[in-house]
Protein backbone atom coordinates (compact mmCIF):
# COMPACT_ATOMS: atom_id res chain seq x y z
CA UNK A 1 16.13 -16.16 2.74
CA UNK A 2 13.08 -18.39 2.62
CA UNK A 3 10.45 -18.50 -0.13
CA UNK A 4 7.57 -20.65 -1.30
CA UNK A 5 8.02 -19.70 -4.99
CA UNK A 6 11.25 -18.66 -6.69
CA UNK A 7 11.35 -18.05 -10.44
CA UNK A 8 14.88 -18.54 -11.72
CA UNK A 9 14.37 -17.55 -15.36
CA UNK A 10 12.65 -14.19 -15.14
CA UNK A 11 14.17 -10.73 -14.75
CA UNK A 12 13.94 -10.54 -10.96
CA UNK A 13 15.26 -14.08 -10.43
CA UNK A 14 18.30 -13.39 -12.60
CA UNK A 15 19.03 -10.04 -10.94
CA UNK A 16 18.81 -11.63 -7.53
CA UNK A 17 21.14 -14.47 -8.51
CA UNK A 18 23.78 -12.01 -9.67
CA UNK A 19 23.48 -9.97 -6.49
CA UNK A 20 23.61 -12.99 -4.16
CA UNK A 21 26.69 -14.38 -5.90
CA UNK A 22 28.39 -10.98 -5.58
CA UNK A 23 27.63 -10.83 -1.86
CA UNK A 24 28.83 -14.40 -1.34
CA UNK A 25 32.14 -13.52 -3.02
CA UNK A 26 32.44 -10.58 -0.63
CA UNK A 27 32.25 -13.04 2.25
CA UNK A 28 28.59 -12.63 3.19
CA UNK A 29 27.04 -15.82 4.53
CA UNK A 30 23.97 -16.68 2.46
CA UNK A 31 21.46 -19.38 3.40
CA UNK A 32 18.34 -20.08 1.34
CA UNK A 33 15.36 -22.37 1.91
CA UNK A 34 12.76 -22.97 -0.79
CA UNK A 35 9.63 -25.08 -0.92
CA UNK A 36 10.06 -28.04 -3.22
CA UNK A 37 6.48 -28.02 -4.52
CA UNK A 38 6.20 -24.26 -4.88
CA UNK A 39 9.45 -24.11 -6.84
CA UNK A 40 8.82 -27.19 -8.96
CA UNK A 41 9.42 -26.28 -12.64
CA UNK A 42 10.26 -22.73 -11.52
CA UNK A 43 13.65 -22.96 -9.83
CA UNK A 44 16.08 -24.55 -12.28
CA UNK A 45 18.88 -26.95 -11.35
CA UNK A 46 21.45 -24.86 -13.21
CA UNK A 47 20.44 -21.82 -11.18
CA UNK A 48 20.86 -23.76 -7.92
CA UNK A 49 24.26 -25.09 -9.05
CA UNK A 50 25.43 -21.55 -9.79
CA UNK A 51 24.48 -20.41 -6.30
CA UNK A 52 26.11 -23.40 -4.63
CA UNK A 53 29.28 -22.95 -6.69
CA UNK A 54 29.55 -19.45 -5.23
CA UNK A 55 29.37 -20.88 -1.71
CA UNK A 56 25.67 -20.21 -1.09
CA UNK A 57 23.84 -22.85 0.94
CA UNK A 58 20.46 -23.55 -0.65
CA UNK A 59 18.15 -26.45 0.24
CA UNK A 60 14.54 -27.53 -0.37
CA UNK A 61 12.55 -27.54 2.86
CA UNK A 62 11.43 -31.10 3.63
CA UNK A 63 12.33 -32.62 0.27
CA UNK A 64 9.55 -35.20 0.18
CA UNK A 65 11.34 -37.09 -2.61
CA UNK A 66 13.81 -38.17 0.05
CA UNK A 67 13.02 -41.70 1.27
CA UNK A 68 12.61 -40.65 4.91
CA UNK A 69 10.44 -37.61 4.17
CA UNK A 70 7.76 -38.94 1.82
CA UNK A 71 5.21 -38.41 4.62
CA UNK A 72 5.68 -34.63 4.22
CA UNK A 73 4.29 -34.65 0.67
CA UNK A 74 1.15 -32.73 1.63
CA UNK A 75 2.93 -30.06 3.68
CA UNK A 76 4.17 -26.80 2.20
CA UNK A 77 6.44 -24.13 3.63
CA UNK A 78 4.51 -21.06 2.52
CA UNK A 79 6.62 -18.58 4.49
CA UNK A 80 8.43 -15.67 2.83
CA UNK A 81 11.20 -14.37 5.08
CA UNK A 82 14.42 -12.45 4.53
CA UNK A 83 16.73 -11.54 7.43
CA UNK A 84 19.75 -9.31 6.79
CA UNK A 85 22.57 -9.14 9.35
CA UNK A 86 20.05 -9.83 12.12
CA UNK A 87 19.02 -6.17 11.92
CA UNK A 88 16.52 -5.91 9.06
CA UNK A 89 13.84 -8.39 8.07
CA UNK A 90 11.16 -8.68 5.40
CA UNK A 91 8.03 -10.80 5.54
CA UNK A 92 4.68 -10.90 3.77
CA UNK A 93 2.97 -12.16 0.64
CA UNK A 94 5.60 -11.60 -2.03
CA UNK A 95 7.70 -14.41 -3.50
CA UNK A 96 10.68 -14.10 -5.87
CA UNK A 97 9.28 -13.39 -9.32
CA UNK A 98 8.71 -10.42 -11.62
CA UNK A 99 4.95 -11.00 -11.54
CA UNK A 100 4.97 -10.07 -7.84
CA UNK A 101 6.28 -6.64 -8.87
CA UNK A 102 4.20 -5.71 -11.90
CA UNK A 103 1.90 -8.64 -12.65
CA UNK A 104 4.25 -10.15 -15.23
CA UNK A 105 2.79 -11.46 -18.47
CA UNK A 106 -0.39 -12.94 -16.94
CA UNK A 107 -1.88 -10.04 -14.98
CA UNK A 108 -2.49 -6.32 -15.49
CA UNK A 109 -1.09 -5.65 -12.02
CA UNK A 110 -0.28 -7.38 -8.75
CA UNK A 111 -1.66 -6.30 -5.38
CA UNK A 112 0.30 -7.57 -2.40
CA UNK A 113 1.38 -6.61 1.11
CA UNK A 114 4.95 -7.02 2.30
CA UNK A 115 6.59 -5.59 5.41
CA UNK A 116 10.01 -4.41 6.53
CA UNK A 117 10.96 -4.82 10.20
CA UNK A 118 13.70 -3.38 12.37
CA UNK A 119 14.32 -3.73 16.10
CA UNK A 120 13.50 -6.64 18.37
CA UNK A 121 11.00 -8.10 15.91
CA UNK A 122 13.87 -9.12 13.62
CA UNK A 123 15.06 -11.62 16.21
CA UNK A 124 11.67 -13.31 16.12
CA UNK A 125 11.77 -13.79 12.35
CA UNK A 126 15.40 -14.90 12.62
CA UNK A 127 14.26 -17.58 15.10
CA UNK A 128 11.48 -18.76 12.75
CA UNK A 129 14.04 -19.16 9.97
CA UNK A 130 16.57 -20.84 12.29
CA UNK A 131 14.02 -23.49 13.30
CA UNK A 132 13.15 -24.20 9.66
CA UNK A 133 16.85 -24.38 8.82
CA UNK A 134 17.48 -26.82 11.65
CA UNK A 135 14.58 -28.99 10.46
CA UNK A 136 16.13 -29.05 6.99
CA UNK A 137 19.83 -29.24 7.88
CA UNK A 138 19.81 -30.99 11.31
CA UNK A 139 23.55 -30.87 11.80
CA UNK A 140 23.71 -27.08 11.52
CA UNK A 141 22.54 -25.04 14.49
CA UNK A 142 22.24 -21.32 13.70
CA UNK A 143 20.97 -20.27 17.12
CA UNK A 144 24.37 -18.81 17.92
CA UNK A 145 24.53 -15.34 19.44
CA UNK A 146 26.14 -13.86 16.31
CA UNK A 147 22.88 -14.43 14.44
CA UNK A 148 20.91 -12.53 17.10
CA UNK A 149 22.73 -9.22 17.61
CA UNK A 150 21.72 -6.88 20.39
CA UNK A 151 19.40 -4.18 19.06
CA UNK A 152 20.73 -0.64 19.76
CA UNK A 153 18.49 1.42 22.06
CA UNK A 154 18.31 4.16 19.42
CA UNK A 155 16.47 1.82 17.04
CA UNK A 156 14.12 0.65 19.78
CA UNK A 157 12.99 4.23 20.46
CA UNK A 158 12.04 4.98 16.85
CA UNK A 159 8.83 3.00 16.57
CA UNK A 160 7.89 0.97 19.65
CA UNK A 161 5.09 -0.70 17.67
CA UNK A 162 3.61 -3.74 19.46
CA UNK A 163 3.73 -6.81 17.22
CA UNK A 164 3.43 -10.58 17.57
CA UNK A 165 4.42 -13.33 15.13
CA UNK A 166 2.09 -16.33 15.36
CA UNK A 167 3.36 -19.28 13.33
CA UNK A 168 1.73 -22.50 12.25
CA UNK A 169 2.87 -25.75 10.75
CA UNK A 170 2.21 -29.45 11.03
CA UNK A 171 4.91 -29.78 13.70
CA UNK A 172 2.72 -27.83 16.13
CA UNK A 173 -0.45 -29.26 17.74
CA UNK A 174 -2.01 -25.79 17.69
CA UNK A 175 -3.08 -24.04 14.45
CA UNK A 176 -2.13 -20.68 15.96
CA UNK A 177 -3.03 -18.47 12.99
CA UNK A 178 -6.46 -20.07 12.64
CA UNK A 179 -7.00 -19.49 16.36
CA UNK A 180 -5.91 -15.89 15.85
CA UNK A 181 -8.42 -15.36 13.04
CA UNK A 182 -11.18 -17.00 15.08
CA UNK A 183 -10.39 -14.82 18.10
CA UNK A 184 -10.35 -11.58 16.11
CA UNK A 185 -13.64 -12.43 14.39
CA UNK A 186 -15.43 -13.39 17.61
CA UNK A 187 -14.06 -10.36 19.52
CA UNK A 188 -15.04 -7.81 16.83
CA UNK A 189 -17.67 -5.25 17.79
CA UNK A 190 -17.73 -2.91 14.79
CA UNK A 191 -16.12 -4.21 11.61
CA UNK A 192 -13.98 -6.96 10.11
CA UNK A 193 -12.06 -6.78 6.84
CA UNK A 194 -10.69 -9.99 5.35
CA UNK A 195 -8.39 -9.83 2.32
CA UNK A 196 -7.13 -13.04 0.75
CA UNK A 197 -6.60 -14.37 -2.78
CA UNK A 198 -8.43 -17.56 -1.78
CA UNK A 199 -11.43 -17.85 0.50
CA UNK A 200 -12.02 -21.37 1.81
CA UNK A 201 -12.87 -21.13 5.54
CA UNK A 202 -13.18 -24.17 7.74
CA UNK A 203 -16.48 -24.78 9.56
CA UNK A 204 -15.47 -22.90 12.73
CA UNK A 205 -14.46 -19.75 10.86
CA UNK A 206 -17.57 -19.97 8.71
CA UNK A 207 -19.81 -20.03 11.80
CA UNK A 208 -17.78 -17.21 13.39
CA UNK A 209 -18.23 -14.99 10.32
CA UNK A 210 -21.95 -15.67 10.04
CA UNK A 211 -22.45 -15.06 13.75
CA UNK A 212 -20.47 -11.80 13.66
CA UNK A 213 -22.52 -10.48 10.75
CA UNK A 214 -25.81 -11.50 12.37
CA UNK A 215 -24.98 -9.64 15.57
CA UNK A 216 -24.36 -6.42 13.64
CA UNK A 217 -20.64 -6.46 12.89
CA UNK A 218 -19.87 -5.16 9.40
CA UNK A 219 -18.01 -8.05 7.76
CA UNK A 220 -16.32 -7.45 4.40
CA UNK A 221 -14.48 -10.13 2.43
CA UNK A 222 -12.21 -9.15 -0.48
CA UNK A 223 -10.80 -11.98 -2.58
CA UNK A 224 -9.25 -12.36 -6.01
CA UNK A 225 -11.58 -11.70 -8.92
CA UNK A 226 -8.89 -12.59 -11.45
CA UNK A 227 -7.73 -16.07 -10.50
CA UNK A 228 -4.48 -17.96 -10.94
CA UNK A 229 -6.02 -21.32 -10.05
CA UNK A 230 -9.66 -21.95 -10.99
CA UNK A 231 -10.30 -24.76 -8.48
CA UNK A 232 -10.08 -22.74 -5.21
CA UNK A 233 -11.78 -19.83 -7.00
CA UNK A 234 -14.76 -22.02 -7.89
CA UNK A 235 -14.81 -23.63 -4.43
CA UNK A 236 -15.10 -20.19 -2.79
CA UNK A 237 -18.48 -19.63 -4.44
CA UNK A 238 -19.94 -22.58 -2.54
CA UNK A 239 -19.58 -20.57 0.69
CA UNK A 240 -21.16 -17.38 -0.61
CA UNK A 241 -24.89 -18.05 -0.20
CA UNK A 242 -24.95 -18.62 3.55
CA UNK A 243 -22.56 -15.71 4.15
CA UNK A 244 -24.52 -13.29 1.97
CA UNK A 245 -27.78 -14.27 3.68
CA UNK A 246 -26.23 -13.54 7.09
CA UNK A 247 -25.14 -10.04 5.97
CA UNK A 248 -21.50 -10.56 4.97
CA UNK A 249 -20.43 -8.41 2.00
CA UNK A 250 -18.19 -10.11 -0.57
CA UNK A 251 -16.06 -8.35 -3.17
CA UNK A 252 -13.79 -9.61 -5.95
CA UNK A 253 -10.73 -7.58 -6.94
CA UNK A 254 -10.66 -6.92 -10.70
CA UNK A 255 -7.74 -4.53 -11.32
CA UNK A 256 -5.17 -7.33 -11.28
CA UNK A 257 -4.35 -10.28 -9.07
CA UNK A 258 -5.05 -9.87 -5.36
CA UNK A 259 -2.42 -11.69 -3.32
CA UNK A 260 -2.45 -9.77 -0.01
CA UNK A 261 -3.35 -11.60 3.21
CA UNK A 262 -4.93 -9.24 5.76
CA UNK A 263 -7.44 -9.39 8.59
CA UNK A 264 -8.37 -6.07 10.21
CA UNK A 265 -10.62 -5.71 13.25
CA UNK A 266 -12.45 -2.70 14.75
CA UNK A 267 -9.80 -0.21 13.63
CA UNK A 268 -7.59 -1.43 16.51
CA UNK A 269 -5.80 -4.59 15.42
CA UNK A 270 -4.67 -6.07 12.12
CA UNK A 271 -2.87 -9.17 10.94
CA UNK A 272 -0.73 -9.39 7.79
CA UNK A 273 1.58 -12.11 6.58
CA UNK A 274 1.80 -15.27 4.52
CA UNK A 275 -1.38 -17.14 5.51
CA UNK A 276 -4.32 -17.18 3.12
CA UNK A 277 -7.85 -17.45 4.47
CA UNK A 278 -8.14 -21.09 3.50
CA UNK A 279 -7.90 -24.49 5.12
CA UNK A 280 -4.53 -25.35 3.57
CA UNK A 281 -2.81 -22.26 4.94
CA UNK A 282 -4.44 -22.49 8.35
CA UNK A 283 -4.08 -26.22 9.01
CA UNK A 284 -1.38 -27.70 6.76
CA UNK A 285 1.14 -25.10 5.61
CA UNK A 286 4.04 -23.58 7.49
CA UNK A 287 3.00 -19.93 7.79
CA UNK A 288 3.90 -16.79 9.71
CA UNK A 289 1.84 -13.65 10.29
CA UNK A 290 2.45 -10.34 12.03
CA UNK A 291 -0.24 -9.04 14.37
CA UNK A 292 -0.16 -5.31 15.08
CA UNK A 293 -1.91 -3.71 18.04
CA UNK A 294 -1.91 -0.15 16.78
CA UNK A 295 -4.81 2.09 15.78
CA UNK A 296 -2.76 4.28 13.40
CA UNK A 297 -1.40 1.35 11.41
CA UNK A 298 -4.79 -0.36 11.38
CA UNK A 299 -6.41 2.84 10.07
CA UNK A 300 -3.82 3.03 7.26
CA UNK A 301 -4.51 -0.63 6.45
CA UNK A 302 -8.28 -0.03 6.35
CA UNK A 303 -7.77 2.98 4.06
CA UNK A 304 -5.77 0.83 1.65
CA UNK A 305 -8.49 -1.82 1.70
CA UNK A 306 -11.06 0.89 0.92
CA UNK A 307 -9.02 1.82 -2.17
CA UNK A 308 -8.86 -1.84 -3.18
CA UNK A 309 -12.63 -2.10 -2.87
CA UNK A 310 -12.97 0.71 -5.43
CA UNK A 311 -11.32 -1.58 -7.98
CA UNK A 312 -13.54 -4.50 -7.04
CA UNK A 313 -16.97 -5.89 -7.91
CA UNK A 314 -19.44 -6.79 -5.17
CA UNK A 315 -21.09 -10.20 -5.29
CA UNK A 316 -24.71 -9.85 -4.19
CA UNK A 317 -27.29 -12.48 -3.36
CA UNK A 318 -29.08 -11.58 -6.61
CA UNK A 319 -25.84 -12.28 -8.52
CA UNK A 320 -25.45 -15.60 -6.75
CA UNK A 321 -29.04 -16.63 -7.52
CA UNK A 322 -28.33 -16.21 -11.22
CA UNK A 323 -25.64 -18.89 -11.15
CA UNK A 324 -26.85 -21.99 -12.97
CA UNK A 325 -27.41 -25.27 -11.16
CA UNK A 326 -24.66 -26.91 -13.22
CA UNK A 327 -22.11 -24.28 -12.15
CA UNK A 328 -23.25 -24.58 -8.54
CA UNK A 329 -22.72 -28.32 -8.74
CA UNK A 330 -19.21 -27.77 -10.09
CA UNK A 331 -18.44 -25.33 -7.27
CA UNK A 332 -19.75 -27.76 -4.65
CA UNK A 333 -17.63 -30.57 -6.09
CA UNK A 334 -14.58 -28.34 -5.83
CA UNK A 335 -15.47 -27.71 -2.20
CA UNK A 336 -15.13 -31.42 -1.46
CA UNK A 337 -11.37 -31.04 -1.95
CA UNK A 338 -11.23 -27.78 0.02
CA UNK A 339 -8.97 -29.25 2.71
CA UNK A 340 -6.25 -29.76 0.09
CA UNK A 341 -6.64 -26.57 -1.99
């Protein structure tokens, strides 16, 4: 299991602790990675001790408080992965916390996208976890064959859904997910849907979106309208004017907190996973997405986005022009720190 955020004191965190300890006592091997920053003040020491006492191996990924890892302070492991017996895997936007189920105490509801995988794709997510585990616990290699069981042919025949798993992180010279987004945007001929809680594109993606809209592609951006962090929310507004003038439509989700991360293109391809549409996710964080080349699944994704848009408010150029100069200045100042948000 690997998570960016893990709440130890809420209902879900406590239920999961009980279940994991039970499975460990049954002899199930349990390995957990968590991000030190994401879990700061959320994952308690007593909780971790209880898991370790039961034989569960749990470590912070790149603990930057360690003397030899202080240089990793600005890097986050934003991945959310669970692999069970090498046969079933989960990946997407949801962390461990009750708010990811029902919105918790802060939000009316929580909108997210999480996926379950079976078949050969599980081996890919197992490999992503194994690399992160090796980077955290160098003396333990979990690339053994027992962790990558052969997938029965019967399972392979059920779906046969083409999927890729681009990953990104500071250990790679190529920001693969950003390149993916850029490629999908520049290839689009009909429509692009972007769903992300935060919207802070780098200059290349900003030009790609403007260019796509100006050549007639219908570009729709859906971001959070109820924010958890005001700084990236304010910074997003500094990008709106040039996008709206080029023909991009921008919506803010109001029914609860929008946490899904989706990019859909031309009704043919879609990407879902852990990466937000912001500079931090695309250039600094460890992330993983799933790219599906399937018209049926993309159509279902687009239909869900259409439902989400019904619970959203569109930001028009007229709305933007009513924003005061003082608020625009604040938003622009927030944009200066966009590479770190």
